[in-house]
């Protein structure tokens, strides 16, 4: 599979959303924020989902979403800060496109 997505990773507060939105616009790419997508799909905040179902269930949903993005059109993807915690997610992201780590100053 050719690399096609630009994926921004980093800690919470590193600027993924702000940079992602602006960069997607500059590059004329669709922008996908995985946390926003998940909240829409779950019908609640991530914090509420964590409280009700636990972190493992949330991480499972996060991985499932990432897999659905594999075959989508080239896009700029911003991830939740914990997306990289799973080795499976790290491998998926590397097969999907270019991964850029944002480090807050």
PDB file of N, CA and C in Angstrom:
ATOM      1  N   UNK A   1       0.844  -1.183   0.000  1.00  0.00           N
ATOM      2  CA  UNK A   1       0.000   0.000   0.000  1.00  0.00           C
ATOM      3  C   UNK A   1       0.888   1.246   0.000  1.00  0.00           C
ATOM      4  N   UNK A   2       0.668   2.161  -0.929  1.00  0.00           N
ATOM      5  CA  UNK A   2       1.482   3.387  -0.958  1.00  0.00           C
ATOM      6  C   UNK A   2       1.147   4.275   0.229  1.00  0.00           C
ATOM      7  N   UNK A   3       2.151   5.002   0.666  1.00  0.00           N
ATOM      8  CA  UNK A   3       1.926   5.953   1.757  1.00  0.00           C
ATOM      9  C   UNK A   3       1.070   7.088   1.230  1.00  0.00           C
ATOM     10  N   UNK A   4       0.070   7.463   2.016  1.00  0.00           N
ATOM     11  CA  UNK A   4      -0.815   8.495   1.513  1.00  0.00           C
ATOM     12  C   UNK A   4      -1.302   9.483   2.552  1.00  0.00           C
ATOM     13  N   UNK A   5      -1.294   9.105   3.821  1.00  0.00           N
ATOM     14  CA  UNK A   5      -1.791   9.997   4.860  1.00  0.00           C
ATOM     15  C   UNK A   5      -0.626  10.706   5.547  1.00  0.00           C
ATOM     16  N   UNK A   6      -0.912  11.863   6.094  1.00  0.00           N
ATOM     17  CA  UNK A   6       0.026  12.567   6.956  1.00  0.00           C
ATOM     18  C   UNK A   6      -0.581  12.501   8.347  1.00  0.00           C
ATOM     19  N   UNK A   7       0.117  11.884   9.283  1.00  0.00           N
ATOM     20  CA  UNK A   7      -0.426  11.605  10.607  1.00  0.00           C
ATOM     21  C   UNK A   7       0.378  12.364  11.660  1.00  0.00           C
ATOM     22  N   UNK A   8      -0.308  13.179  12.436  1.00  0.00           N
ATOM     23  CA  UNK A   8       0.338  13.942  13.499  1.00  0.00           C
ATOM     24  C   UNK A   8       0.090  13.262  14.835  1.00  0.00           C
ATOM     25  N   UNK A   9       1.179  12.989  15.553  1.00  0.00           N
ATOM     26  CA  UNK A   9       1.093  12.390  16.879  1.00  0.00           C
ATOM     27  C   UNK A   9       1.803  13.303  17.867  1.00  0.00           C
ATOM     28  N   UNK A  10       1.533  13.106  19.144  1.00  0.00           N
ATOM     29  CA  UNK A  10       2.193  13.884  20.185  1.00  0.00           C
ATOM     30  C   UNK A  10       1.368  13.860  21.446  1.00  0.00           C
ATOM     31  N   UNK A  11       1.953  14.365  22.506  1.00  0.00           N
ATOM     32  CA  UNK A  11       1.268  14.420  23.783  1.00  0.00           C
ATOM     33  C   UNK A  11       0.080  15.367  23.725  1.00  0.00           C
ATOM     34  N   UNK A  12      -0.836  15.211  24.663  1.00  0.00           N
ATOM     35  CA  UNK A  12      -1.951  16.124  24.795  1.00  0.00           C
ATOM     36  C   UNK A  12      -1.394  17.540  24.972  1.00  0.00           C
ATOM     37  N   UNK A  13      -1.937  18.480  24.230  1.00  0.00           N
ATOM     38  CA  UNK A  13      -1.489  19.856  24.335  1.00  0.00           C
ATOM     39  C   UNK A  13      -0.298  20.204  23.463  1.00  0.00           C
ATOM     40  N   UNK A  14       0.128  19.276  22.601  1.00  0.00           N
ATOM     41  CA  UNK A  14       1.297  19.535  21.749  1.00  0.00           C
ATOM     42  C   UNK A  14       0.951  20.339  20.500  1.00  0.00           C
ATOM     43  N   UNK A  15      -0.333  20.567  20.262  1.00  0.00           N
ATOM     44  CA  UNK A  15      -0.736  21.372  19.107  1.00  0.00           C
ATOM     45  C   UNK A  15      -1.213  20.574  17.914  1.00  0.00           C
ATOM     46  N   UNK A  16      -1.469  19.295  18.093  1.00  0.00           N
ATOM     47  CA  UNK A  16      -1.883  18.443  16.968  1.00  0.00           C
ATOM     48  C   UNK A  16      -3.121  18.992  16.265  1.00  0.00           C
ATOM     49  N   UNK A  17      -4.123  19.367  17.041  1.00  0.00           N
ATOM     50  CA  UNK A  17      -5.377  19.843  16.459  1.00  0.00           C
ATOM     51  C   UNK A  17      -5.177  21.175  15.746  1.00  0.00           C
ATOM     52  N   UNK A  18      -4.517  22.094  16.394  1.00  0.00           N
ATOM     53  CA  UNK A  18      -4.295  23.417  15.801  1.00  0.00           C
ATOM     54  C   UNK A  18      -3.447  23.318  14.539  1.00  0.00           C
ATOM     55  N   UNK A  19      -2.334  22.627  14.631  1.00  0.00           N
ATOM     56  CA  UNK A  19      -1.442  22.465  13.475  1.00  0.00           C
ATOM     57  C   UNK A  19      -2.137  21.659  12.395  1.00  0.00           C
ATOM     58  N   UNK A  20      -2.820  20.582  12.797  1.00  0.00           N
ATOM     59  CA  UNK A  20      -3.487  19.713  11.827  1.00  0.00           C
ATOM     60  C   UNK A  20      -4.525  20.430  11.006  1.00  0.00           C
ATOM     61  N   UNK A  21      -5.359  21.200  11.651  1.00  0.00           N
ATOM     62  CA  UNK A  21      -6.412  21.934  10.947  1.00  0.00           C
ATOM     63  C   UNK A  21      -5.810  22.915   9.936  1.00  0.00           C
ATOM     64  N   UNK A  22      -4.804  23.644  10.358  1.00  0.00           N
ATOM     65  CA  UNK A  22      -4.178  24.644   9.474  1.00  0.00           C
ATOM     66  C   UNK A  22      -3.404  23.981   8.338  1.00  0.00           C
ATOM     67  N   UNK A  23      -2.662  22.924   8.655  1.00  0.00           N
ATOM     68  CA  UNK A  23      -1.858  22.239   7.651  1.00  0.00           C
ATOM     69  C   UNK A  23      -2.745  21.548   6.616  1.00  0.00           C
ATOM     70  N   UNK A  24      -3.827  20.947   7.068  1.00  0.00           N
ATOM     71  CA  UNK A  24      -4.755  20.296   6.139  1.00  0.00           C
ATOM     72  C   UNK A  24      -5.310  21.315   5.147  1.00  0.00           C
ATOM     73  N   UNK A  25      -5.638  22.481   5.655  1.00  0.00           N
ATOM     74  CA  UNK A  25      -6.150  23.540   4.787  1.00  0.00           C
ATOM     75  C   UNK A  25      -5.083  23.981   3.786  1.00  0.00           C
ATOM     76  N   UNK A  26      -3.871  24.177   4.262  1.00  0.00           N
ATOM     77  CA  UNK A  26      -2.768  24.604   3.384  1.00  0.00           C
ATOM     78  C   UNK A  26      -2.454  23.575   2.314  1.00  0.00           C
ATOM     79  N   UNK A  27      -2.571  22.279   2.668  1.00  0.00           N
ATOM     80  CA  UNK A  27      -2.243  21.205   1.730  1.00  0.00           C
ATOM     81  C   UNK A  27      -3.453  20.725   0.932  1.00  0.00           C
ATOM     82  N   UNK A  28      -4.606  21.337   1.182  1.00  0.00           N
ATOM     83  CA  UNK A  28      -5.865  20.934   0.546  1.00  0.00           C
ATOM     84  C   UNK A  28      -6.156  19.447   0.762  1.00  0.00           C
ATOM     85  N   UNK A  29      -5.975  19.013   2.008  1.00  0.00           N
ATOM     86  CA  UNK A  29      -6.262  17.635   2.390  1.00  0.00           C
ATOM     87  C   UNK A  29      -7.449  17.616   3.343  1.00  0.00           C
ATOM     88  N   UNK A  30      -8.263  16.573   3.277  1.00  0.00           N
ATOM     89  CA  UNK A  30      -9.288  16.433   4.312  1.00  0.00           C
ATOM     90  C   UNK A  30      -8.604  16.246   5.656  1.00  0.00           C
ATOM     91  N   UNK A  31      -9.222  16.748   6.715  1.00  0.00           N
ATOM     92  CA  UNK A  31      -8.657  16.638   8.047  1.00  0.00           C
ATOM     93  C   UNK A  31      -9.523  15.705   8.879  1.00  0.00           C
ATOM     94  N   UNK A  32      -8.892  14.719   9.504  1.00  0.00           N
ATOM     95  CA  UNK A  32      -9.584  13.772  10.371  1.00  0.00           C
ATOM     96  C   UNK A  32      -8.945  13.855  11.757  1.00  0.00           C
ATOM     97  N   UNK A  33      -9.729  14.228  12.744  1.00  0.00           N
ATOM     98  CA  UNK A  33      -9.265  14.230  14.132  1.00  0.00           C
ATOM     99  C   UNK A  33      -9.861  12.989  14.784  1.00  0.00           C
ATOM    100  N   UNK A  34      -9.021  12.028  15.159  1.00  0.00           N
ATOM    101  CA  UNK A  34      -9.538  10.756  15.655  1.00  0.00           C
ATOM    102  C   UNK A  34     -10.349  10.915  16.943  1.00  0.00           C
ATOM    103  N   UNK A  35      -9.954  11.807  17.822  1.00  0.00           N
ATOM    104  CA  UNK A  35     -10.722  12.003  19.056  1.00  0.00           C
ATOM    105  C   UNK A  35     -12.122  12.540  18.746  1.00  0.00           C
ATOM    106  N   UNK A  36     -12.216  13.497  17.845  1.00  0.00           N
ATOM    107  CA  UNK A  36     -13.527  14.048  17.479  1.00  0.00           C
ATOM    108  C   UNK A  36     -14.392  12.980  16.813  1.00  0.00           C
ATOM    109  N   UNK A  37     -13.794  12.198  15.930  1.00  0.00           N
ATOM    110  CA  UNK A  37     -14.531  11.110  15.271  1.00  0.00           C
ATOM    111  C   UNK A  37     -15.067  10.116  16.290  1.00  0.00           C
ATOM    112  N   UNK A  38     -14.215   9.756  17.239  1.00  0.00           N
ATOM    113  CA  UNK A  38     -14.636   8.789  18.249  1.00  0.00           C
ATOM    114  C   UNK A  38     -15.754   9.339  19.126  1.00  0.00           C
ATOM    115  N   UNK A  39     -15.665  10.587  19.520  1.00  0.00           N
ATOM    116  CA  UNK A  39     -16.719  11.167  20.342  1.00  0.00           C
ATOM    117  C   UNK A  39     -18.051  11.166  19.596  1.00  0.00           C
ATOM    118  N   UNK A  40     -17.996  11.437  18.291  1.00  0.00           N
ATOM    119  CA  UNK A  40     -19.224  11.397  17.490  1.00  0.00           C
ATOM    120  C   UNK A  40     -19.784   9.977  17.434  1.00  0.00           C
ATOM    121  N   UNK A  41     -18.915   9.012  17.199  1.00  0.00           N
ATOM    122  CA  UNK A  41     -19.349   7.612  17.107  1.00  0.00           C
ATOM    123  C   UNK A  41     -19.853   7.081  18.445  1.00  0.00           C
ATOM    124  N   UNK A  42     -19.190   7.474  19.528  1.00  0.00           N
ATOM    125  CA  UNK A  42     -19.545   6.978  20.853  1.00  0.00           C
ATOM    126  C   UNK A  42     -20.763   7.679  21.437  1.00  0.00           C
ATOM    127  N   UNK A  43     -21.016   8.895  20.973  1.00  0.00           N
ATOM    128  CA  UNK A  43     -22.144   9.667  21.487  1.00  0.00           C
ATOM    129  C   UNK A  43     -21.892  10.252  22.864  1.00  0.00           C
ATOM    130  N   UNK A  44     -20.617  10.331  23.242  1.00  0.00           N
ATOM    131  CA  UNK A  44     -20.263  10.913  24.534  1.00  0.00           C
ATOM    132  C   UNK A  44     -18.805  11.346  24.487  1.00  0.00           C
ATOM    133  N   UNK A  45     -18.377  12.018  25.527  1.00  0.00           N
ATOM    134  CA  UNK A  45     -16.981  12.438  25.584  1.00  0.00           C
ATOM    135  C   UNK A  45     -16.091  11.224  25.833  1.00  0.00           C
ATOM    136  N   UNK A  46     -14.833  11.361  25.497  1.00  0.00           N
ATOM    137  CA  UNK A  46     -13.872  10.288  25.742  1.00  0.00           C
ATOM    138  C   UNK A  46     -13.758  10.034  27.241  1.00  0.00           C
ATOM    139  N   UNK A  47     -13.755  11.093  28.019  1.00  0.00           N
ATOM    140  CA  UNK A  47     -13.667  10.948  29.477  1.00  0.00           C
ATOM    141  C   UNK A  47     -14.838  10.132  30.014  1.00  0.00           C
ATOM    142  N   UNK A  48     -16.048  10.403  29.522  1.00  0.00           N
ATOM    143  CA  UNK A  48     -17.217   9.643  29.967  1.00  0.00           C
ATOM    144  C   UNK A  48     -17.130   8.187  29.534  1.00  0.00           C
ATOM    145  N   UNK A  49     -16.640   7.948  28.329  1.00  0.00           N
ATOM    146  CA  UNK A  49     -16.501   6.573  27.843  1.00  0.00           C
ATOM    147  C   UNK A  49     -15.490   5.808  28.703  1.00  0.00           C
ATOM    148  N   UNK A  50     -14.396   6.477  29.033  1.00  0.00           N
ATOM    149  CA  UNK A  50     -13.384   5.876  29.920  1.00  0.00           C
ATOM    150  C   UNK A  50     -14.017   5.450  31.241  1.00  0.00           C
ATOM    151  N   UNK A  51     -14.809   6.357  31.844  1.00  0.00           N
ATOM    152  CA  UNK A  51     -15.429   6.088  33.141  1.00  0.00           C
ATOM    153  C   UNK A  51     -16.369   4.889  33.078  1.00  0.00           C
ATOM    154  N   UNK A  52     -17.130   4.808  31.996  1.00  0.00           N
ATOM    155  CA  UNK A  52     -18.145   3.772  31.868  1.00  0.00           C
ATOM    156  C   UNK A  52     -17.584   2.432  31.405  1.00  0.00           C
ATOM    157  N   UNK A  53     -16.676   2.472  30.426  1.00  0.00           N
ATOM    158  CA  UNK A  53     -16.217   1.237  29.779  1.00  0.00           C
ATOM    159  C   UNK A  53     -14.753   0.895  30.039  1.00  0.00           C
ATOM    160  N   UNK A  54     -13.990   1.853  30.513  1.00  0.00           N
ATOM    161  CA  UNK A  54     -12.577   1.617  30.798  1.00  0.00           C
ATOM    162  C   UNK A  54     -11.671   1.930  29.622  1.00  0.00           C
ATOM    163  N   UNK A  55     -10.391   2.037  29.939  1.00  0.00           N
ATOM    164  CA  UNK A  55      -9.406   2.418  28.921  1.00  0.00           C
ATOM    165  C   UNK A  55      -9.266   1.360  27.831  1.00  0.00           C
ATOM    166  N   UNK A  56      -9.255   0.090  28.203  1.00  0.00           N
ATOM    167  CA  UNK A  56      -9.075  -0.979  27.214  1.00  0.00           C
ATOM    168  C   UNK A  56     -10.146  -0.922  26.132  1.00  0.00           C
ATOM    169  N   UNK A  57     -11.403  -0.723  26.533  1.00  0.00           N
ATOM    170  CA  UNK A  57     -12.500  -0.637  25.560  1.00  0.00           C
ATOM    171  C   UNK A  57     -12.307   0.578  24.654  1.00  0.00           C
ATOM    172  N   UNK A  58     -11.863   1.686  25.240  1.00  0.00           N
ATOM    173  CA  UNK A  58     -11.626   2.876  24.416  1.00  0.00           C
ATOM    174  C   UNK A  58     -10.506   2.624  23.421  1.00  0.00           C
ATOM    175  N   UNK A  59      -9.411   2.026  23.875  1.00  0.00           N
ATOM    176  CA  UNK A  59      -8.282   1.754  22.974  1.00  0.00           C
ATOM    177  C   UNK A  59      -8.689   0.805  21.861  1.00  0.00           C
ATOM    178  N   UNK A  60      -9.582  -0.135  22.153  1.00  0.00           N
ATOM    179  CA  UNK A  60     -10.099  -1.027  21.105  1.00  0.00           C
ATOM    180  C   UNK A  60     -10.856  -0.227  20.047  1.00  0.00           C
ATOM    181  N   UNK A  61     -11.674   0.706  20.483  1.00  0.00           N
ATOM    182  CA  UNK A  61     -12.434   1.547  19.550  1.00  0.00           C
ATOM    183  C   UNK A  61     -11.499   2.435  18.732  1.00  0.00           C
ATOM    184  N   UNK A  62     -10.464   2.923  19.381  1.00  0.00           N
ATOM    185  CA  UNK A  62      -9.470   3.765  18.726  1.00  0.00           C
ATOM    186  C   UNK A  62      -8.765   2.985  17.607  1.00  0.00           C
ATOM    187  N   UNK A  63      -8.366   1.759  17.894  1.00  0.00           N
ATOM    188  CA  UNK A  63      -7.701   0.914  16.894  1.00  0.00           C
ATOM    189  C   UNK A  63      -8.652   0.601  15.747  1.00  0.00           C
ATOM    190  N   UNK A  64      -9.899   0.297  16.059  1.00  0.00           N
ATOM    191  CA  UNK A  64     -10.894   0.009  15.015  1.00  0.00           C
ATOM    192  C   UNK A  64     -11.057   1.212  14.082  1.00  0.00           C
ATOM    193  N   UNK A  65     -11.100   2.414  14.640  1.00  0.00           N
ATOM    194  CA  UNK A  65     -11.212   3.617  13.814  1.00  0.00           C
ATOM    195  C   UNK A  65      -9.986   3.768  12.921  1.00  0.00           C
ATOM    196  N   UNK A  66      -8.835   3.571  13.485  1.00  0.00           N
ATOM    197  CA  UNK A  66      -7.600   3.702  12.712  1.00  0.00           C
ATOM    198  C   UNK A  66      -7.612   2.757  11.513  1.00  0.00           C
ATOM    199  N   UNK A  67      -8.087   1.543  11.722  1.00  0.00           N
ATOM    200  CA  UNK A  67      -8.163   0.568  10.632  1.00  0.00           C
ATOM    201  C   UNK A  67      -9.112   1.029   9.527  1.00  0.00           C
ATOM    202  N   UNK A  68     -10.195   1.706   9.887  1.00  0.00           N
ATOM    203  CA  UNK A  68     -11.138   2.180   8.866  1.00  0.00           C
ATOM    204  C   UNK A  68     -10.539   3.306   8.028  1.00  0.00           C
ATOM    205  N   UNK A  69      -9.574   4.012   8.585  1.00  0.00           N
ATOM    206  CA  UNK A  69      -8.957   5.128   7.862  1.00  0.00           C
ATOM    207  C   UNK A  69      -7.950   4.658   6.810  1.00  0.00           C
ATOM    208  N   UNK A  70      -7.526   3.402   6.891  1.00  0.00           N
ATOM    209  CA  UNK A  70      -6.513   2.871   5.962  1.00  0.00           C
ATOM    210  C   UNK A  70      -6.870   3.070   4.504  1.00  0.00           C
ATOM    211  N   UNK A  71      -8.115   2.797   4.153  1.00  0.00           N
ATOM    212  CA  UNK A  71      -8.518   2.838   2.749  1.00  0.00           C
ATOM    213  C   UNK A  71      -9.199   4.137   2.341  1.00  0.00           C
ATOM    214  N   UNK A  72      -9.215   5.088   3.212  1.00  0.00           N
ATOM    215  CA  UNK A  72      -9.830   6.384   2.888  1.00  0.00           C
ATOM    216  C   UNK A  72      -8.911   7.202   1.996  1.00  0.00           C
ATOM    217  N   UNK A  73      -9.476   8.256   1.426  1.00  0.00           N
ATOM    218  CA  UNK A  73      -8.690   9.144   0.584  1.00  0.00           C
ATOM    219  C   UNK A  73      -7.544   9.751   1.396  1.00  0.00           C
ATOM    220  N   UNK A  74      -6.467  10.176   0.715  1.00  0.00           N
ATOM    221  CA  UNK A  74      -5.354  10.810   1.428  1.00  0.00           C
ATOM    222  C   UNK A  74      -5.867  11.948   2.312  1.00  0.00           C
ATOM    223  N   UNK A  75      -5.401  11.961   3.540  1.00  0.00           N
ATOM    224  CA  UNK A  75      -5.879  12.956   4.486  1.00  0.00           C
ATOM    225  C   UNK A  75      -4.809  13.275   5.517  1.00  0.00           C
ATOM    226  N   UNK A  76      -5.067  14.322   6.258  1.00  0.00           N
ATOM    227  CA  UNK A  76      -4.226  14.663   7.390  1.00  0.00           C
ATOM    228  C   UNK A  76      -4.969  14.169   8.625  1.00  0.00           C
ATOM    229  N   UNK A  77      -4.331  13.326   9.401  1.00  0.00           N
ATOM    230  CA  UNK A  77      -4.964  12.704  10.561  1.00  0.00           C
ATOM    231  C   UNK A  77      -4.265  13.188  11.825  1.00  0.00           C
ATOM    232  N   UNK A  78      -5.058  13.702  12.764  1.00  0.00           N
ATOM    233  CA  UNK A  78      -4.520  14.039  14.076  1.00  0.00           C
ATOM    234  C   UNK A  78      -5.057  13.005  15.058  1.00  0.00           C
ATOM    235  N   UNK A  79      -4.171  12.505  15.905  1.00  0.00           N
ATOM    236  CA  UNK A  79      -4.538  11.418  16.802  1.00  0.00           C
ATOM    237  C   UNK A  79      -4.649  11.895  18.240  1.00  0.00           C
ATOM    238  N   UNK A  80      -5.324  11.095  19.032  1.00  0.00           N
ATOM    239  CA  UNK A  80      -5.327  11.334  20.464  1.00  0.00           C
ATOM    240  C   UNK A  80      -3.941  11.043  21.006  1.00  0.00           C
ATOM    241  N   UNK A  81      -3.596  11.631  22.112  1.00  0.00           N
ATOM    242  CA  UNK A  81      -2.261  11.479  22.676  1.00  0.00           C
ATOM    243  C   UNK A  81      -1.887  10.039  22.999  1.00  0.00           C
ATOM    244  N   UNK A  82      -2.873   9.201  23.293  1.00  0.00           N
ATOM    245  CA  UNK A  82      -2.596   7.821  23.656  1.00  0.00           C
ATOM    246  C   UNK A  82      -2.621   6.838  22.495  1.00  0.00           C
ATOM    247  N   UNK A  83      -2.885   7.318  21.300  1.00  0.00           N
ATOM    248  CA  UNK A  83      -2.971   6.431  20.132  1.00  0.00           C
ATOM    249  C   UNK A  83      -1.714   5.584  19.968  1.00  0.00           C
ATOM    250  N   UNK A  84      -0.572   6.138  20.294  1.00  0.00           N
ATOM    251  CA  UNK A  84       0.697   5.428  20.083  1.00  0.00           C
ATOM    252  C   UNK A  84       1.007   4.397  21.164  1.00  0.00           C
ATOM    253  N   UNK A  85       0.160   4.271  22.169  1.00  0.00           N
ATOM    254  CA  UNK A  85       0.431   3.331  23.248  1.00  0.00           C
ATOM    255  C   UNK A  85       0.412   1.878  22.787  1.00  0.00           C
ATOM    256  N   UNK A  86      -0.375   1.595  21.780  1.00  0.00           N
ATOM    257  CA  UNK A  86      -0.461   0.229  21.251  1.00  0.00           C
ATOM    258  C   UNK A  86       0.501   0.043  20.087  1.00  0.00           C
ATOM    259  N   UNK A  87       1.259  -1.021  20.167  1.00  0.00           N
ATOM    260  CA  UNK A  87       2.183  -1.334  19.073  1.00  0.00           C
ATOM    261  C   UNK A  87       1.425  -1.515  17.760  1.00  0.00           C
ATOM    262  N   UNK A  88       0.266  -2.137  17.817  1.00  0.00           N
ATOM    263  CA  UNK A  88      -0.552  -2.340  16.615  1.00  0.00           C
ATOM    264  C   UNK A  88      -0.865  -1.007  15.938  1.00  0.00           C
ATOM    265  N   UNK A  89      -1.199   0.003  16.722  1.00  0.00           N
ATOM    266  CA  UNK A  89      -1.501   1.323  16.171  1.00  0.00           C
ATOM    267  C   UNK A  89      -0.266   1.952  15.534  1.00  0.00           C
ATOM    268  N   UNK A  90       0.868   1.821  16.196  1.00  0.00           N
ATOM    269  CA  UNK A  90       2.111   2.384  15.642  1.00  0.00           C
ATOM    270  C   UNK A  90       2.421   1.745  14.296  1.00  0.00           C
ATOM    271  N   UNK A  91       2.278   0.436  14.209  1.00  0.00           N
ATOM    272  CA  UNK A  91       2.536  -0.256  12.942  1.00  0.00           C
ATOM    273  C   UNK A  91       1.540   0.164  11.869  1.00  0.00           C
ATOM    274  N   UNK A  92       0.272   0.269  12.231  1.00  0.00           N
ATOM    275  CA  UNK A  92      -0.751   0.706  11.277  1.00  0.00           C
ATOM    276  C   UNK A  92      -0.434   2.094  10.730  1.00  0.00           C
ATOM    277  N   UNK A  93      -0.081   3.003  11.624  1.00  0.00           N
ATOM    278  CA  UNK A  93       0.199   4.371  11.186  1.00  0.00           C
ATOM    279  C   UNK A  93       1.381   4.408  10.218  1.00  0.00           C
ATOM    280  N   UNK A  94       2.385   3.611  10.487  1.00  0.00           N
ATOM    281  CA  UNK A  94       3.555   3.587   9.592  1.00  0.00           C
ATOM    282  C   UNK A  94       3.219   3.010   8.228  1.00  0.00           C
ATOM    283  N   UNK A  95       2.246   2.110   8.152  1.00  0.00           N
ATOM    284  CA  UNK A  95       1.839   1.584   6.842  1.00  0.00           C
ATOM    285  C   UNK A  95       0.899   2.545   6.128  1.00  0.00           C
ATOM    286  N   UNK A  96       0.237   3.425   6.884  1.00  0.00           N
ATOM    287  CA  UNK A  96      -0.747   4.342   6.318  1.00  0.00           C
ATOM    288  C   UNK A  96      -0.129   5.577   5.687  1.00  0.00           C
ATOM    289  N   UNK A  97       1.015   5.993   6.176  1.00  0.00           N
ATOM    290  CA  UNK A  97       1.569   7.232   5.665  1.00  0.00           C
ATOM    291  C   UNK A  97       2.747   7.722   6.460  1.00  0.00           C
ATOM    292  N   UNK A  98       2.946   9.009   6.405  1.00  0.00           N
ATOM    293  CA  UNK A  98       4.054   9.637   7.106  1.00  0.00           C
ATOM    294  C   UNK A  98       3.572  10.047   8.491  1.00  0.00           C
ATOM    295  N   UNK A  99       4.365   9.744   9.501  1.00  0.00           N
ATOM    296  CA  UNK A  99       4.015  10.052  10.877  1.00  0.00           C
ATOM    297  C   UNK A  99       4.945  11.144  11.377  1.00  0.00           C
ATOM    298  N   UNK A 100       4.351  12.212  11.912  1.00  0.00           N
ATOM    299  CA  UNK A 100       5.126  13.347  12.402  1.00  0.00           C
ATOM    300  C   UNK A 100       4.807  13.548  13.878  1.00  0.00           C
ATOM    301  N   UNK A 101       5.859  13.552  14.689  1.00  0.00           N
ATOM    302  CA  UNK A 101       5.720  13.769  16.129  1.00  0.00           C
ATOM    303  C   UNK A 101       5.862  15.260  16.436  1.00  0.00           C
ATOM    304  N   UNK A 102       4.837  15.815  17.075  1.00  0.00           N
ATOM    305  CA  UNK A 102       4.896  17.215  17.491  1.00  0.00           C
ATOM    306  C   UNK A 102       5.334  17.256  18.946  1.00  0.00           C
ATOM    307  N   UNK A 103       6.370  18.019  19.189  1.00  0.00           N
ATOM    308  CA  UNK A 103       6.915  18.153  20.544  1.00  0.00           C
ATOM    309  C   UNK A 103       6.616  19.557  21.044  1.00  0.00           C
ATOM    310  N   UNK A 104       5.891  19.670  22.163  1.00  0.00           N
ATOM    311  CA  UNK A 104       5.568  21.012  22.677  1.00  0.00           C
ATOM    312  C   UNK A 104       6.819  21.687  23.238  1.00  0.00           C
ATOM    313  N   UNK A 105       6.919  22.957  23.036  1.00  0.00           N
ATOM    314  CA  UNK A 105       8.050  23.739  23.561  1.00  0.00           C
ATOM    315  C   UNK A 105       7.624  24.469  24.799  1.00  0.00           C
TER     316      UNK A 105
END
